[in-house]
Amino acid sequence: MAATRLISLHVNKGKTIAKCLADRTDYSENEKKTENGKYISSYEWDPKSCDQEFLLAKREYLHIYGFNYKRNVIAYQIRQSFKPGEVTPDEANRIGYETAMRWTKGNHAFIVATHIDRAHIHNHIIYNSTNLSCDGKWRDFLRSGKALQKVSDLVCIEHGLSVIDPRPYGERTKYRNAAFTGSIRDVLRADIEDLLGSGIKNFSELLDGLSAKGYEIKHGKQLSFRKEGGKRFLRLDTLGTEYSEANLKRRILGEEIDGMAPQKKRDFNLVLDIQKIIEKNKGANYERWAKRYNLKQVAKAICFIKEHGIKTVDDLVALTDNATKRFDELSESMKQKQKRLEEISELKKQIATYAKTRETYEAYKRSGYSKKFFEAHREELQLHKAAKEYFNAHKITKLPKMKFLSEEYGRILEEKRKEYAEYKEAKASMQDYLIARQNLETILGAEGKEREEKKKEEKQK
């Protein structure tokens, strides 16, 4: 059993960011509390210099955006305390590491320091508010502490530990009503985050989950939501960049989200079809503007071709084909990795369910498969049966250890994250070559048509 608490770390009055970071990390890494640093682990950081690496990431963020928000959160701390005698220091540190990895989705560097100086073993987990790519920050949300507790409970169950008993129904309802004192947008964001953390697989499941939470969904140019009893609809694009439909789909797939850093724009675009413009009769002024626009786009495409040392049309075709092939390979590779991540998530979920309901099933067997016992524990027994059917359907005779599945999940997720950066570059490169090629073919085709028309006119004369 582990109790968790999420704490925002700000800059103290009269102190620098560097000093505040050093104070927080030094306390967490105290040798007396961690047995000379034996129970310290980290992700994308060196524990000995983590405060300096912290600071470098923040300077890089400042370099990209040129400003910081007022009352800026420099880091977040998770305190995770275990029931006395239930875990060893090594196991507590592993649980803390896995909790932090799931909570940050591997996008933020962190350290896990396990303190053993008290009767109860507890973790101090500090993660950087700035992400690893230094182009975005952690966005705290309403009831984030409760979401963190759910993540911690799931990890504890997978490691065979007990979890904190939920509140009685009446108290839980009272707590829920008291918690939602923020704006209606905060409530919607919190519900979305809650669903994102529940392991949904696609955007449709997110919409289904919001419907189940009492939201009316209106499909239009922008998705809009209205909570049961609410007066008006809220458009999805008013919740912030992270909550756009495209970025929510990326977050579900575990990909980086767009809009957090300035995007590099292409210098040229596809030329317009003048003939179609004439047929639609959009007017002489629009036609003249379209011709000037096309001249500019063709000129920029030719500059692009020269900059890349392309001398012939065949060279451009070959480069376009290679770029397209590379993009297709990366796209397929990412799909395969995502498929495996979903398989691991589902398998871990089924194993956790099987372990949680096994004791009830054994009691059911000892009762001689009593109908009365079954009706009293119907939900647990059905979940246990569903887990066994899942294992049989996938021909799993020996259940893999959660530790190995978590390690595989983390490795594949990291590979996918690194591959995604190359995927974005390959996609941009492919689009550049395709547009340059199409513009060149369009202008060459137009010139060929003009020559043929002139020859016809000369023959007629």
Protein backbone atom coordinates (compact mmCIF):
# COMPACT_ATOMS: atom_id res chain seq x y z
CA MET A 1 0.00 0.00 0.00
CA ALA A 2 1.35 3.44 -0.94
CA ALA A 3 -0.03 6.91 -0.20
CA THR A 4 1.00 9.61 -2.68
CA ARG A 5 1.11 13.38 -2.75
CA LEU A 6 1.98 15.71 -5.66
CA ILE A 7 3.77 18.95 -4.74
CA SER A 8 4.62 21.90 -7.00
CA LEU A 9 8.08 23.34 -6.35
CA HIS A 10 8.41 27.10 -6.88
CA VAL A 11 11.30 29.55 -6.55
CA ASN A 12 11.58 30.71 -2.95
CA LYS A 13 11.76 34.41 -2.26
CA GLY A 14 15.32 35.72 -2.25
CA LYS A 15 16.76 32.58 -3.86
CA THR A 16 17.84 31.73 -7.40
CA ILE A 17 16.43 28.84 -9.43
CA ALA A 18 19.78 27.07 -9.16
CA LYS A 19 19.84 27.39 -5.36
CA CYS A 20 16.25 26.15 -5.01
CA LEU A 21 16.91 23.16 -7.25
CA ALA A 22 20.08 22.29 -5.36
CA ASP A 23 18.29 22.48 -1.99
CA ARG A 24 15.46 20.17 -3.12
CA THR A 25 17.70 17.57 -4.77
CA ASP A 26 20.29 17.62 -1.95
CA TYR A 27 17.62 16.84 0.63
CA SER A 28 16.22 14.00 -1.48
CA GLU A 29 19.67 12.51 -2.07
CA ASN A 30 20.78 12.78 1.56
CA GLU A 31 23.28 9.95 2.12
CA LYS A 32 22.04 9.22 5.64
CA LYS A 33 18.50 8.74 4.39
CA THR A 34 19.40 6.68 1.28
CA GLU A 35 22.21 4.50 2.74
CA ASN A 36 25.03 6.41 1.02
CA GLY A 37 23.07 6.78 -2.22
CA LYS A 38 22.36 3.06 -2.58
CA TYR A 39 18.64 3.63 -3.03
CA ILE A 40 18.72 6.35 -5.67
CA SER A 41 17.73 5.77 -9.29
CA SER A 42 17.18 8.21 -12.16
CA TYR A 43 15.85 8.58 -15.67
CA GLU A 44 17.71 10.72 -18.23
CA TRP A 45 19.70 12.33 -15.39
CA ASP A 46 22.91 11.81 -13.49
CA PRO A 47 21.91 11.98 -9.79
CA LYS A 48 25.21 13.71 -8.95
CA SER A 49 24.56 16.63 -11.30
CA CYS A 50 20.79 16.56 -11.71
CA ASP A 51 20.29 20.14 -10.43
CA GLN A 52 22.67 21.42 -13.13
CA GLU A 53 20.96 19.35 -15.84
CA PHE A 54 17.66 20.70 -14.52
CA LEU A 55 18.93 24.23 -15.02
CA LEU A 56 20.30 23.55 -18.50
CA ALA A 57 16.90 22.29 -19.66
CA LYS A 58 15.22 25.44 -18.35
CA ARG A 59 17.77 27.68 -20.07
CA GLU A 60 17.14 25.83 -23.33
CA TYR A 61 13.38 26.35 -22.89
CA LEU A 62 13.99 30.05 -22.25
CA HIS A 63 16.17 30.19 -25.38
CA ILE A 64 13.34 28.72 -27.49
CA TYR A 65 10.50 30.87 -26.16
CA GLY A 66 12.29 33.91 -24.78
CA PHE A 67 10.17 34.18 -21.62
CA ASN A 68 8.95 32.38 -18.51
CA TYR A 69 5.54 32.55 -16.91
CA LYS A 70 5.07 34.33 -13.59
CA ARG A 71 5.06 32.06 -10.54
CA ASN A 72 6.82 29.50 -12.68
CA VAL A 73 6.88 25.91 -11.36
CA ILE A 74 10.49 24.71 -11.57
CA ALA A 75 9.80 21.08 -10.70
CA TYR A 76 7.29 18.68 -9.19
CA GLN A 77 7.80 16.31 -6.27
CA ILE A 78 5.93 13.07 -5.66
CA ARG A 79 6.00 11.70 -2.13
CA GLN A 80 5.16 8.02 -2.08
CA SER A 81 4.92 6.40 1.37
CA PHE A 82 4.57 2.66 1.98
CA LYS A 83 2.97 0.68 4.77
CA PRO A 84 5.65 -0.29 7.34
CA GLY A 85 7.08 -3.74 6.73
CA GLU A 86 5.35 -4.26 3.36
CA VAL A 87 8.28 -3.49 1.02
CA THR A 88 12.04 -3.58 0.99
CA PRO A 89 14.01 -0.43 0.04
CA ASP A 90 14.98 -1.96 -3.33
CA GLU A 91 11.38 -2.83 -4.17
CA ALA A 92 10.15 0.59 -3.04
CA ASN A 93 12.66 2.25 -5.35
CA ARG A 94 11.58 0.09 -8.30
CA ILE A 95 7.92 0.89 -7.63
CA GLY A 96 8.75 4.59 -7.41
CA TYR A 97 10.67 4.46 -10.70
CA GLU A 98 7.84 2.69 -12.50
CA THR A 99 5.25 5.10 -11.05
CA ALA A 100 7.28 8.10 -12.21
CA MET A 101 7.80 6.61 -15.67
CA ARG A 102 4.07 6.01 -16.15
CA TRP A 103 3.09 9.37 -14.67
CA THR A 104 5.45 11.38 -16.92
CA LYS A 105 5.11 8.94 -19.88
CA GLY A 106 8.90 9.11 -20.23
CA ASN A 107 8.78 12.76 -21.33
CA HIS A 108 10.40 14.29 -18.22
CA ALA A 109 13.68 13.50 -16.50
CA PHE A 110 13.38 12.42 -12.85
CA ILE A 111 15.17 11.00 -9.83
CA VAL A 112 13.79 8.53 -7.28
CA ALA A 113 15.34 8.68 -3.80
CA THR A 114 14.12 6.07 -1.31
CA HIS A 115 14.40 7.20 2.32
CA ILE A 116 14.78 4.53 5.00
CA ASP A 117 15.30 6.78 8.04
CA ARG A 118 11.70 6.49 9.21
CA ALA A 119 9.52 3.58 10.32
CA HIS A 120 7.80 3.75 6.94
CA ILE A 121 9.88 3.58 3.76
CA HIS A 122 9.04 6.42 1.40
CA ASN A 123 10.14 7.81 -1.97
CA HIS A 124 10.99 11.36 -2.93
CA ILE A 125 10.46 11.57 -6.69
CA ILE A 126 11.44 14.85 -8.34
CA TYR A 127 10.74 15.42 -12.02
CA ASN A 128 11.58 18.43 -14.15
CA SER A 129 8.66 20.61 -15.17
CA THR A 130 10.44 21.12 -18.53
CA ASN A 131 10.27 18.11 -20.85
CA LEU A 132 13.27 16.31 -22.35
CA SER A 133 13.06 18.14 -25.69
CA CYS A 134 12.93 21.47 -23.80
CA ASP A 135 10.00 22.72 -25.90
CA GLY A 136 7.15 22.20 -23.45
CA LYS A 137 6.27 21.99 -19.77
CA TRP A 138 4.24 19.74 -17.53
CA ARG A 139 0.69 21.03 -17.28
CA ASP A 140 -0.86 20.33 -13.92
CA PHE A 141 -4.58 19.65 -13.94
CA LEU A 142 -7.55 19.49 -11.60
CA ARG A 143 -7.50 16.41 -9.33
CA SER A 144 -4.04 15.45 -10.58
CA GLY A 145 -3.28 14.11 -7.10
CA LYS A 146 -6.12 11.61 -7.38
CA ALA A 147 -4.96 10.56 -10.85
CA LEU A 148 -1.45 10.05 -9.45
CA GLN A 149 -2.85 7.87 -6.66
CA LYS A 150 -4.58 5.67 -9.27
CA VAL A 151 -1.30 5.22 -11.16
CA SER A 152 0.50 4.34 -7.92
CA ASP A 153 -2.25 1.89 -6.90
CA LEU A 154 -2.03 0.10 -10.25
CA VAL A 155 1.75 -0.31 -9.91
CA CYS A 156 1.32 -1.58 -6.34
CA ILE A 157 -1.26 -4.16 -7.47
CA GLU A 158 1.10 -5.37 -10.20
CA HIS A 159 3.80 -5.85 -7.55
CA GLY A 160 1.43 -7.79 -5.30
CA LEU A 161 0.96 -5.02 -2.70
CA SER A 162 -2.26 -3.90 -1.06
CA VAL A 163 -3.91 -0.59 -1.98
CA ILE A 164 -5.67 2.06 0.07
CA ASP A 165 -9.34 1.24 0.57
CA PRO A 166 -11.61 3.60 -1.39
CA ARG A 167 -13.86 6.04 0.47
CA PRO A 168 -17.43 4.94 1.29
CA TYR A 169 -19.93 5.95 -1.39
CA GLY A 170 -21.40 8.90 0.52
CA GLU A 171 -17.98 10.34 1.40
CA ARG A 172 -16.71 9.76 -2.13
CA THR A 173 -19.66 11.67 -3.63
CA LYS A 174 -19.17 14.52 -1.17
CA TYR A 175 -15.44 14.66 -1.97
CA ARG A 176 -16.08 14.63 -5.71
CA ASN A 177 -18.57 17.50 -5.47
CA ALA A 178 -16.21 19.51 -3.29
CA ALA A 179 -13.29 18.92 -5.65
CA PHE A 180 -14.99 20.37 -8.70
CA THR A 181 -14.92 24.00 -7.60
CA GLY A 182 -12.79 25.14 -10.55
CA SER A 183 -13.99 26.41 -13.90
CA ILE A 184 -16.05 24.20 -16.21
CA ARG A 185 -13.01 24.02 -18.50
CA ASP A 186 -10.93 22.67 -15.60
CA VAL A 187 -13.57 20.00 -15.03
CA LEU A 188 -13.51 18.98 -18.71
CA ARG A 189 -9.70 18.91 -18.76
CA ALA A 190 -9.69 16.78 -15.59
CA ASP A 191 -12.16 14.30 -17.09
CA ILE A 192 -10.09 14.07 -20.28
CA GLU A 193 -6.88 13.49 -18.30
CA ASP A 194 -8.64 10.86 -16.21
CA LEU A 195 -9.62 8.97 -19.37
CA LEU A 196 -6.16 9.37 -20.92
CA GLY A 197 -4.67 7.77 -17.84
CA SER A 198 -7.10 4.84 -17.96
CA GLY A 199 -5.41 3.18 -20.97
CA ILE A 200 -7.80 4.08 -23.78
CA LYS A 201 -6.62 2.96 -27.23
CA ASN A 202 -8.13 5.49 -29.63
CA PHE A 203 -9.99 8.79 -29.90
CA SER A 204 -13.38 7.07 -30.22
CA GLU A 205 -12.91 5.46 -26.81
CA LEU A 206 -12.14 8.91 -25.38
CA LEU A 207 -15.43 10.27 -26.74
CA ASP A 208 -17.30 7.21 -25.44
CA GLY A 209 -15.74 7.74 -22.02
CA LEU A 210 -16.81 11.39 -21.95
CA SER A 211 -20.33 10.36 -22.94
CA ALA A 212 -20.34 7.90 -20.04
CA LYS A 213 -19.28 10.73 -17.72
CA GLY A 214 -22.41 12.65 -18.68
CA TYR A 215 -21.19 14.85 -21.53
CA GLU A 216 -23.31 15.72 -24.55
CA ILE A 217 -21.08 15.87 -27.64
CA LYS A 218 -21.77 18.12 -30.60
CA HIS A 219 -19.94 17.33 -33.85
CA GLY A 220 -19.26 20.31 -36.09
CA LYS A 221 -16.30 22.24 -37.38
CA GLN A 222 -14.97 21.89 -33.83
CA LEU A 223 -15.97 19.25 -31.29
CA SER A 224 -17.98 20.73 -28.41
CA PHE A 225 -18.97 19.26 -25.04
CA ARG A 226 -21.64 20.09 -22.48
CA LYS A 227 -21.73 18.52 -19.04
CA GLU A 228 -25.07 17.17 -17.85
CA GLY A 229 -26.89 20.13 -16.31
CA GLY A 230 -24.56 22.64 -17.98
CA LYS A 231 -25.83 25.74 -19.76
CA ARG A 232 -23.53 25.86 -22.78
CA PHE A 233 -21.20 23.82 -24.96
CA LEU A 234 -17.41 24.14 -24.63
CA ARG A 235 -15.34 23.89 -27.80
CA LEU A 236 -12.37 21.55 -27.62
CA ASP A 237 -10.00 24.13 -29.14
CA THR A 238 -10.63 26.50 -26.19
CA LEU A 239 -8.98 24.11 -23.69
CA GLY A 240 -5.43 24.74 -24.90
CA THR A 241 -2.97 23.36 -27.44
CA GLU A 242 -2.57 20.02 -25.61
CA TYR A 243 -6.29 19.35 -25.95
CA SER A 244 -6.75 19.86 -29.68
CA GLU A 245 -8.21 16.81 -31.44
CA ALA A 246 -4.95 16.15 -33.30
CA ASN A 247 -2.80 16.42 -30.16
CA LEU A 248 -5.17 14.27 -28.10
CA LYS A 249 -4.85 11.55 -30.75
CA ARG A 250 -1.05 11.87 -30.55
CA ARG A 251 -1.11 11.66 -26.76
CA ILE A 252 -3.20 8.48 -26.90
CA LEU A 253 -0.55 6.97 -29.21
CA GLY A 254 2.26 8.12 -26.91
CA GLU A 255 3.66 10.56 -29.46
CA GLU A 256 4.98 14.08 -29.03
CA ILE A 257 2.40 16.80 -29.43
CA ASP A 258 2.53 19.66 -31.88
CA GLY A 259 2.12 23.31 -31.05
CA MET A 260 4.49 23.42 -28.08
CA ALA A 261 7.38 24.85 -30.09
CA PRO A 262 7.60 27.14 -33.10
CA GLN A 263 7.03 25.05 -36.22
CA LYS A 264 9.24 25.50 -39.25
CA LYS A 265 7.13 26.48 -42.23
CA ARG A 266 7.74 25.32 -45.77
CA ASP A 267 8.96 28.11 -48.08
CA PHE A 268 6.78 26.98 -51.00
CA ASN A 269 3.45 25.27 -51.67
CA LEU A 270 1.64 23.57 -54.53
CA VAL A 271 0.79 25.73 -57.51
CA LEU A 272 -2.87 26.45 -58.27
CA ASP A 273 -4.72 25.01 -61.24
CA ILE A 274 -5.35 28.10 -63.41
CA GLN A 275 -7.64 26.24 -65.80
CA LYS A 276 -10.00 25.28 -62.97
CA ILE A 277 -9.99 28.87 -61.73
CA ILE A 278 -11.01 30.06 -65.23
CA GLU A 279 -13.75 27.40 -65.40
CA LYS A 280 -15.14 28.46 -62.01
CA ASN A 281 -15.23 32.04 -63.30
CA LYS A 282 -13.74 33.57 -60.16
CA GLY A 283 -12.89 36.80 -61.96
CA ALA A 284 -9.97 38.39 -63.78
CA ASN A 285 -8.40 39.82 -60.62
CA TYR A 286 -8.32 36.45 -58.88
CA GLU A 287 -6.89 34.87 -62.04
CA ARG A 288 -4.07 37.45 -62.21
CA TRP A 289 -3.29 36.92 -58.51
CA ALA A 290 -3.21 33.11 -59.02
CA LYS A 291 -0.74 33.44 -61.90
CA ARG A 292 1.60 35.64 -59.84
CA TYR A 293 1.25 33.22 -56.91
CA ASN A 294 2.19 30.28 -59.14
CA LEU A 295 5.25 32.08 -60.47
CA LYS A 296 6.48 32.65 -56.91
CA GLN A 297 5.88 29.03 -55.88
CA VAL A 298 7.67 27.67 -58.97
CA ALA A 299 10.60 30.04 -58.39
CA LYS A 300 10.91 28.90 -54.76
CA ALA A 301 10.65 25.25 -55.79
CA ILE A 302 13.46 25.76 -58.32
CA CYS A 303 15.60 27.36 -55.59
CA PHE A 304 14.91 24.33 -53.40
CA ILE A 305 15.97 22.01 -56.24
CA LYS A 306 19.23 23.93 -56.77
CA GLU A 307 20.01 24.03 -53.03
CA HIS A 308 19.77 20.23 -52.90
CA GLY A 309 22.06 19.76 -55.90
CA ILE A 310 19.34 18.26 -58.12
CA LYS A 311 20.38 18.59 -61.77
CA THR A 312 17.82 16.53 -63.67
CA VAL A 313 14.16 15.55 -63.40
CA ASP A 314 15.27 11.94 -62.95
CA ASP A 315 17.32 12.95 -59.89
CA LEU A 316 14.28 14.67 -58.38
CA VAL A 317 12.08 11.63 -59.08
CA ALA A 318 14.65 9.31 -57.47
CA LEU A 319 15.00 11.49 -54.35
CA THR A 320 11.21 11.77 -54.05
CA ASP A 321 10.82 7.99 -54.31
CA ASN A 322 13.55 7.40 -51.70
CA ALA A 323 12.03 9.95 -49.30
CA THR A 324 8.59 8.38 -49.74
CA LYS A 325 9.98 4.88 -49.19
CA ARG A 326 11.80 5.97 -46.00
CA PHE A 327 8.65 7.66 -44.67
CA ASP A 328 6.59 4.52 -45.36
CA GLU A 329 9.18 2.35 -43.56
CA LEU A 330 9.19 4.57 -40.47
CA SER A 331 5.40 4.81 -40.50
CA GLU A 332 5.06 1.01 -40.61
CA SER A 333 7.71 0.59 -37.90
CA MET A 334 5.88 3.00 -35.59
CA LYS A 335 2.58 1.20 -36.22
CA GLN A 336 4.18 -2.11 -35.23
CA LYS A 337 5.66 -0.58 -32.08
CA GLN A 338 2.32 0.98 -31.15
CA LYS A 339 0.61 -2.37 -31.69
CA ARG A 340 3.10 -4.06 -29.36
CA LEU A 341 2.65 -1.33 -26.73
CA GLU A 342 -1.10 -1.87 -26.81
CA GLU A 343 -0.59 -5.64 -26.51
CA ILE A 344 1.68 -5.20 -23.48
CA SER A 345 -0.75 -2.74 -21.84
CA GLU A 346 -3.66 -5.12 -22.30
CA LEU A 347 -1.63 -8.12 -21.08
CA LYS A 348 -0.52 -6.23 -17.94
CA LYS A 349 -4.10 -5.20 -17.32
CA GLN A 350 -5.32 -8.80 -17.60
CA ILE A 351 -2.52 -10.12 -15.37
CA ALA A 352 -3.32 -7.50 -12.71
CA THR A 353 -7.03 -8.37 -12.90
CA TYR A 354 -6.24 -12.10 -12.69
CA ALA A 355 -4.03 -11.61 -9.62
CA LYS A 356 -6.54 -9.31 -7.93
CA THR A 357 -9.47 -11.73 -8.39
CA ARG A 358 -7.64 -15.03 -7.94
CA GLU A 359 -8.31 -15.25 -4.20
CA THR A 360 -12.06 -14.80 -4.80
CA TYR A 361 -12.00 -17.50 -7.49
CA GLU A 362 -10.19 -19.93 -5.16
CA ALA A 363 -12.83 -19.28 -2.50
CA TYR A 364 -15.51 -19.94 -5.14
CA LYS A 365 -13.89 -23.31 -5.93
CA ARG A 366 -13.72 -24.21 -2.24
CA SER A 367 -17.45 -23.43 -1.95
CA GLY A 368 -18.14 -26.13 -4.52
CA TYR A 369 -19.02 -23.53 -7.14
CA SER A 370 -21.93 -22.32 -5.03
CA LYS A 371 -24.52 -20.27 -6.94
CA LYS A 372 -25.05 -18.09 -3.87
CA PHE A 373 -21.32 -17.33 -3.68
CA PHE A 374 -21.24 -16.60 -7.42
CA GLU A 375 -24.09 -14.09 -7.19
CA ALA A 376 -22.40 -12.37 -4.25
CA HIS A 377 -19.11 -12.03 -6.17
CA ARG A 378 -20.40 -12.01 -9.74
CA GLU A 379 -18.31 -9.04 -11.00
CA GLU A 380 -14.98 -10.34 -9.65
CA LEU A 381 -15.58 -13.86 -10.92
CA GLN A 382 -16.56 -12.63 -14.37
CA LEU A 383 -13.43 -10.49 -14.54
CA HIS A 384 -11.34 -13.51 -13.52
CA LYS A 385 -13.00 -15.64 -16.19
CA ALA A 386 -12.46 -12.94 -18.83
CA ALA A 387 -8.75 -12.78 -17.93
CA LYS A 388 -8.39 -16.56 -18.27
CA GLU A 389 -10.19 -16.49 -21.62
CA TYR A 390 -7.81 -13.76 -22.79
CA PHE A 391 -4.79 -15.91 -21.86
CA ASN A 392 -6.29 -18.93 -23.65
CA ALA A 393 -7.16 -16.92 -26.76
CA HIS A 394 -3.55 -15.68 -26.98
CA LYS A 395 -2.12 -19.11 -26.09
CA ILE A 396 -0.40 -17.83 -22.94
CA THR A 397 0.35 -20.85 -20.77
CA LYS A 398 2.89 -19.17 -18.46
CA LEU A 399 2.26 -15.60 -17.34
CA PRO A 400 5.26 -13.31 -17.92
CA LYS A 401 6.59 -11.27 -15.01
CA MET A 402 5.33 -7.70 -14.73
CA LYS A 403 8.91 -6.48 -14.38
CA PHE A 404 9.90 -7.85 -17.80
CA LEU A 405 6.75 -6.49 -19.44
CA SER A 406 7.37 -3.05 -17.93
CA GLU A 407 10.99 -3.10 -19.11
CA GLU A 408 9.92 -4.10 -22.62
CA TYR A 409 7.21 -1.41 -22.63
CA GLY A 410 9.70 1.25 -21.54
CA ARG A 411 12.26 0.16 -24.13
CA ILE A 412 9.75 0.14 -27.01
CA LEU A 413 8.28 3.47 -25.90
CA GLU A 414 11.74 5.05 -25.85
CA GLU A 415 12.53 3.60 -29.30
CA LYS A 416 9.21 4.92 -30.61
CA ARG A 417 9.86 8.37 -29.11
CA LYS A 418 13.27 8.58 -30.78
CA GLU A 419 11.91 7.19 -34.04
CA TYR A 420 9.12 9.77 -34.03
CA ALA A 421 11.64 12.61 -34.36
CA GLU A 422 13.09 10.91 -37.46
CA TYR A 423 9.54 10.22 -38.68
CA LYS A 424 8.68 13.93 -38.55
CA GLU A 425 11.83 14.83 -40.47
CA ALA A 426 11.16 12.12 -43.08
CA LYS A 427 7.58 13.32 -43.49
CA ALA A 428 8.65 16.95 -43.99
CA SER A 429 11.38 15.89 -46.43
CA MET A 430 8.97 13.72 -48.43
CA GLN A 431 6.42 16.55 -48.63
CA ASP A 432 9.10 19.01 -49.81
CA TYR A 433 10.24 16.70 -52.59
CA LEU A 434 6.69 15.78 -53.63
CA ILE A 435 5.60 19.43 -53.85
CA ALA A 436 8.75 20.46 -55.71
CA ARG A 437 8.29 17.56 -58.13
CA GLN A 438 4.61 18.26 -58.71
CA ASN A 439 5.23 21.99 -59.24
CA LEU A 440 7.98 21.19 -61.76
CA GLU A 441 5.79 18.68 -63.58
CA THR A 442 2.92 21.17 -63.64
CA ILE A 443 4.99 23.97 -65.14
CA LEU A 444 6.65 21.64 -67.67
CA GLY A 445 3.28 20.22 -68.60
CA ALA A 446 1.84 23.70 -69.05
CA GLU A 447 4.76 24.71 -71.27
CA GLY A 448 4.26 21.56 -73.35
CA LYS A 449 0.56 22.35 -73.81
CA GLU A 450 1.38 25.93 -74.89
CA ARG A 451 3.84 24.66 -77.53
CA GLU A 452 1.26 22.21 -78.89
CA GLU A 453 -1.40 24.94 -79.07
CA LYS A 454 0.99 27.28 -80.95
CA LYS A 455 1.81 24.50 -83.47
CA LYS A 456 -1.91 23.91 -84.07
CA GLU A 457 -2.49 27.65 -84.60
CA GLU A 458 0.43 27.84 -87.10
CA LYS A 459 -0.92 24.86 -89.08
CA GLN A 460 -4.39 26.42 -89.26
CA LYS A 461 -2.89 29.63 -90.69
